[in-house]
Structure formats: C-alpha cells, structure tokens
Amino acid sequence: QSRMADDAPPAPPPLRSMHALLRSMGVADYEPRVLHQLLEFVQQYSTDIFADSLHLAEHGGRPGHLESEDVLLSVRLREKAAQATAPQLMDWMAKTRNRHTIEPPTV
C-alpha cells in the first residue's frame, strides 16, 4: 500500500529518505502513515538526544558547544536506561507486591 508511486506528487525530502530506507531494508508494502510515524519518532528521538547532549556539554564546561562524544554518550546512556530499567523495575514491583499478603474482604 505504499503511496510513493511514480504518478504521485513529489514528496518532501525527509519522506523520500524514509521511503528509500524502508526500500533498502526490503520493505515494499506499508501504509502511508508509517512514513509519518517513523519521521515523528526520528524527530523526537533526535531532539531528546541533542537536549541530553547539550546538558552533558554544559556539565563539561562547554555550554552550547556540542562534541561528538556528547552525542555518543547521550545515545549510550539512553540505550542503557532502556535496557536496564524495565526489568529491574518489574522485579522490584513484583517483590514488593508479593511481599504483602492480601487478605480477602470480609463479608
């Protein structure tokens, strides 16, 4: 269902790039809104990474001056947080929940 047909009006460069990326990965059929969803994700992720990078640069005494190491560290920190936090949080919640016996209500 890809709408990037030859007779379609020219798409903006970001949409063309995302279409080319999908095509390069072997994805030939998708709903048109998939492109927009992916672009929204990319923009939000990039914005968050650059905001974190700016905080790291400021902490490093370079306010407003990003270096590649700032961006790389931001990406790595975000990856680590996504991997480690969820299982640890779920384990903690399960242990906390199961620690206390829940009495049935009295009628």
C-alpha atoms as a PDB file:
ATOM      1  CA  GLN A   1       0.000   0.000   0.000  1.00  0.00           C
ATOM      2  CA  SER A   2       2.941   2.311  -0.368  1.00  0.00           C
ATOM      3  CA  ARG A   3       1.827   5.609  -1.848  1.00  0.00           C
ATOM      4  CA  MET A   4       5.246   6.503  -3.241  1.00  0.00           C
ATOM      5  CA  ALA A   5       4.196   5.667  -6.805  1.00  0.00           C
ATOM      6  CA  ASP A   6       5.662   7.236  -9.914  1.00  0.00           C
ATOM      7  CA  ASP A   7       2.483   9.237 -10.552  1.00  0.00           C
ATOM      8  CA  ALA A   8       2.346  10.636  -7.003  1.00  0.00           C
ATOM      9  CA  PRO A   9       3.187  14.284  -6.372  1.00  0.00           C
ATOM     10  CA  PRO A  10       6.783  14.868  -5.284  1.00  0.00           C
ATOM     11  CA  ALA A  11       7.259  14.091  -1.609  1.00  0.00           C
ATOM     12  CA  PRO A  12       9.365  16.229   0.742  1.00  0.00           C
ATOM     13  CA  PRO A  13      12.986  15.066   1.085  1.00  0.00           C
ATOM     14  CA  PRO A  14      12.524  13.543   4.573  1.00  0.00           C
ATOM     15  CA  LEU A  15       9.686  11.345   3.297  1.00  0.00           C
ATOM     16  CA  ARG A  16      11.721  10.305   0.279  1.00  0.00           C
ATOM     17  CA  SER A  17      14.644   9.427   2.550  1.00  0.00           C
ATOM     18  CA  MET A  18      12.454   7.342   4.850  1.00  0.00           C
ATOM     19  CA  HIS A  19      10.914   5.598   1.831  1.00  0.00           C
ATOM     20  CA  ALA A  20      14.409   4.827   0.495  1.00  0.00           C
ATOM     21  CA  LEU A  21      15.437   3.459   3.896  1.00  0.00           C
ATOM     22  CA  LEU A  22      12.433   1.149   4.034  1.00  0.00           C
ATOM     23  CA  ARG A  23      13.040   0.022   0.454  1.00  0.00           C
ATOM     24  CA  SER A  24      16.724  -0.688   1.234  1.00  0.00           C
ATOM     25  CA  MET A  25      15.600  -2.951   4.079  1.00  0.00           C
ATOM     26  CA  GLY A  26      13.321  -4.917   1.770  1.00  0.00           C
ATOM     27  CA  VAL A  27      10.053  -3.323   2.889  1.00  0.00           C
ATOM     28  CA  ALA A  28       7.974  -2.923  -0.251  1.00  0.00           C
ATOM     29  CA  ASP A  29       4.447  -2.565   1.126  1.00  0.00           C
ATOM     30  CA  TYR A  30       3.341  -0.354   4.010  1.00  0.00           C
ATOM     31  CA  GLU A  31       0.615   2.089   4.931  1.00  0.00           C
ATOM     32  CA  PRO A  32       1.422   5.706   4.032  1.00  0.00           C
ATOM     33  CA  ARG A  33       1.110   6.813   7.649  1.00  0.00           C
ATOM     34  CA  VAL A  34       4.051   4.555   8.552  1.00  0.00           C
ATOM     35  CA  LEU A  35       6.402   7.117   6.979  1.00  0.00           C
ATOM     36  CA  HIS A  36       4.940   9.902   9.100  1.00  0.00           C
ATOM     37  CA  GLN A  37       5.093   7.812  12.274  1.00  0.00           C
ATOM     38  CA  LEU A  38       8.738   6.971  11.638  1.00  0.00           C
ATOM     39  CA  LEU A  39       9.579  10.612  10.928  1.00  0.00           C
ATOM     40  CA  GLU A  40       7.873  11.712  14.159  1.00  0.00           C
ATOM     41  CA  PHE A  41       9.846   9.098  16.084  1.00  0.00           C
ATOM     42  CA  VAL A  42      13.131  10.160  14.474  1.00  0.00           C
ATOM     43  CA  GLN A  43      12.461  13.825  15.229  1.00  0.00           C
ATOM     44  CA  GLN A  44      11.531  13.172  18.870  1.00  0.00           C
ATOM     45  CA  TYR A  45      14.484  10.837  19.420  1.00  0.00           C
ATOM     46  CA  SER A  46      16.913  13.304  17.820  1.00  0.00           C
ATOM     47  CA  THR A  47      15.509  16.199  19.830  1.00  0.00           C
ATOM     48  CA  ASP A  48      15.863  14.243  23.076  1.00  0.00           C
ATOM     49  CA  ILE A  49      19.410  13.119  22.249  1.00  0.00           C
ATOM     50  CA  PHE A  50      20.543  16.638  21.379  1.00  0.00           C
ATOM     51  CA  ALA A  51      18.917  18.073  24.515  1.00  0.00           C
ATOM     52  CA  ASP A  52      20.739  15.483  26.640  1.00  0.00           C
ATOM     53  CA  SER A  53      23.953  16.212  24.733  1.00  0.00           C
ATOM     54  CA  LEU A  54      23.643  19.923  25.459  1.00  0.00           C
ATOM     55  CA  HIS A  55      23.271  19.150  29.177  1.00  0.00           C
ATOM     56  CA  LEU A  56      26.407  16.999  29.050  1.00  0.00           C
ATOM     57  CA  ALA A  57      28.331  19.720  27.215  1.00  0.00           C
ATOM     58  CA  GLU A  58      27.214  22.286  29.779  1.00  0.00           C
ATOM     59  CA  HIS A  59      28.268  19.973  32.603  1.00  0.00           C
ATOM     60  CA  GLY A  60      31.626  19.590  30.834  1.00  0.00           C
ATOM     61  CA  GLY A  61      32.127  23.368  30.849  1.00  0.00           C
ATOM     62  CA  ARG A  62      31.189  23.865  27.193  1.00  0.00           C
ATOM     63  CA  PRO A  63      27.706  25.412  27.223  1.00  0.00           C
ATOM     64  CA  GLY A  64      26.240  25.481  23.719  1.00  0.00           C
ATOM     65  CA  HIS A  65      29.210  23.637  22.190  1.00  0.00           C
ATOM     66  CA  LEU A  66      28.433  20.022  21.294  1.00  0.00           C
ATOM     67  CA  GLU A  67      31.110  17.493  20.514  1.00  0.00           C
ATOM     68  CA  SER A  68      30.597  14.054  19.020  1.00  0.00           C
ATOM     69  CA  GLU A  69      31.456  12.488  22.384  1.00  0.00           C
ATOM     70  CA  ASP A  70      28.487  14.298  23.977  1.00  0.00           C
ATOM     71  CA  VAL A  71      26.097  12.847  21.419  1.00  0.00           C
ATOM     72  CA  LEU A  72      27.628   9.373  21.621  1.00  0.00           C
ATOM     73  CA  LEU A  73      27.393   9.367  25.411  1.00  0.00           C
ATOM     74  CA  SER A  74      23.767  10.535  25.241  1.00  0.00           C
ATOM     75  CA  VAL A  75      22.880   7.678  22.900  1.00  0.00           C
ATOM     76  CA  ARG A  76      24.693   5.122  25.057  1.00  0.00           C
ATOM     77  CA  LEU A  77      23.052   6.384  28.256  1.00  0.00           C
ATOM     78  CA  ARG A  78      19.613   6.236  26.651  1.00  0.00           C
ATOM     79  CA  GLU A  79      20.260   2.677  25.411  1.00  0.00           C
ATOM     80  CA  LYS A  80      21.459   1.556  28.851  1.00  0.00           C
ATOM     81  CA  ALA A  81      18.461   3.136  30.565  1.00  0.00           C
ATOM     82  CA  ALA A  82      16.066   1.389  28.185  1.00  0.00           C
ATOM     83  CA  GLN A  83      17.727  -1.992  28.699  1.00  0.00           C
ATOM     84  CA  ALA A  84      18.356  -1.983  32.421  1.00  0.00           C
ATOM     85  CA  THR A  85      15.485  -0.050  33.944  1.00  0.00           C
ATOM     86  CA  ALA A  86      12.472  -2.039  32.841  1.00  0.00           C
ATOM     87  CA  PRO A  87      13.496  -5.497  34.142  1.00  0.00           C
ATOM     88  CA  GLN A  88      14.835  -4.074  37.405  1.00  0.00           C
ATOM     89  CA  LEU A  89      11.674  -2.052  37.942  1.00  0.00           C
ATOM     90  CA  MET A  90       9.478  -5.058  37.196  1.00  0.00           C
ATOM     91  CA  ASP A  91      11.484  -7.231  39.605  1.00  0.00           C
ATOM     92  CA  TRP A  92      11.190  -4.618  42.333  1.00  0.00           C
ATOM     93  CA  MET A  93       7.453  -4.213  41.758  1.00  0.00           C
ATOM     94  CA  ALA A  94       6.907  -7.984  41.834  1.00  0.00           C
ATOM     95  CA  LYS A  95       8.929  -8.407  45.039  1.00  0.00           C
ATOM     96  CA  THR A  96       7.156  -5.502  46.718  1.00  0.00           C
ATOM     97  CA  ARG A  97       3.725  -6.674  45.643  1.00  0.00           C
ATOM     98  CA  ASN A  98       4.304 -10.290  46.619  1.00  0.00           C
ATOM     99  CA  ARG A  99       5.859  -9.405  49.976  1.00  0.00           C
ATOM    100  CA  HIS A 100       2.480  -8.424  51.462  1.00  0.00           C
ATOM    101  CA  THR A 101      -0.348 -10.894  51.812  1.00  0.00           C
ATOM    102  CA  ILE A 102      -3.647  -9.594  50.557  1.00  0.00           C
ATOM    103  CA  GLU A 103      -6.499 -10.699  52.764  1.00  0.00           C
ATOM    104  CA  PRO A 104      -9.832 -11.453  51.123  1.00  0.00           C
ATOM    105  CA  PRO A 105     -12.556  -8.978  52.007  1.00  0.00           C
ATOM    106  CA  THR A 106     -14.827  -9.914  54.886  1.00  0.00           C
ATOM    107  CA  VAL A 107     -18.493 -10.010  54.098  1.00  0.00           C
END
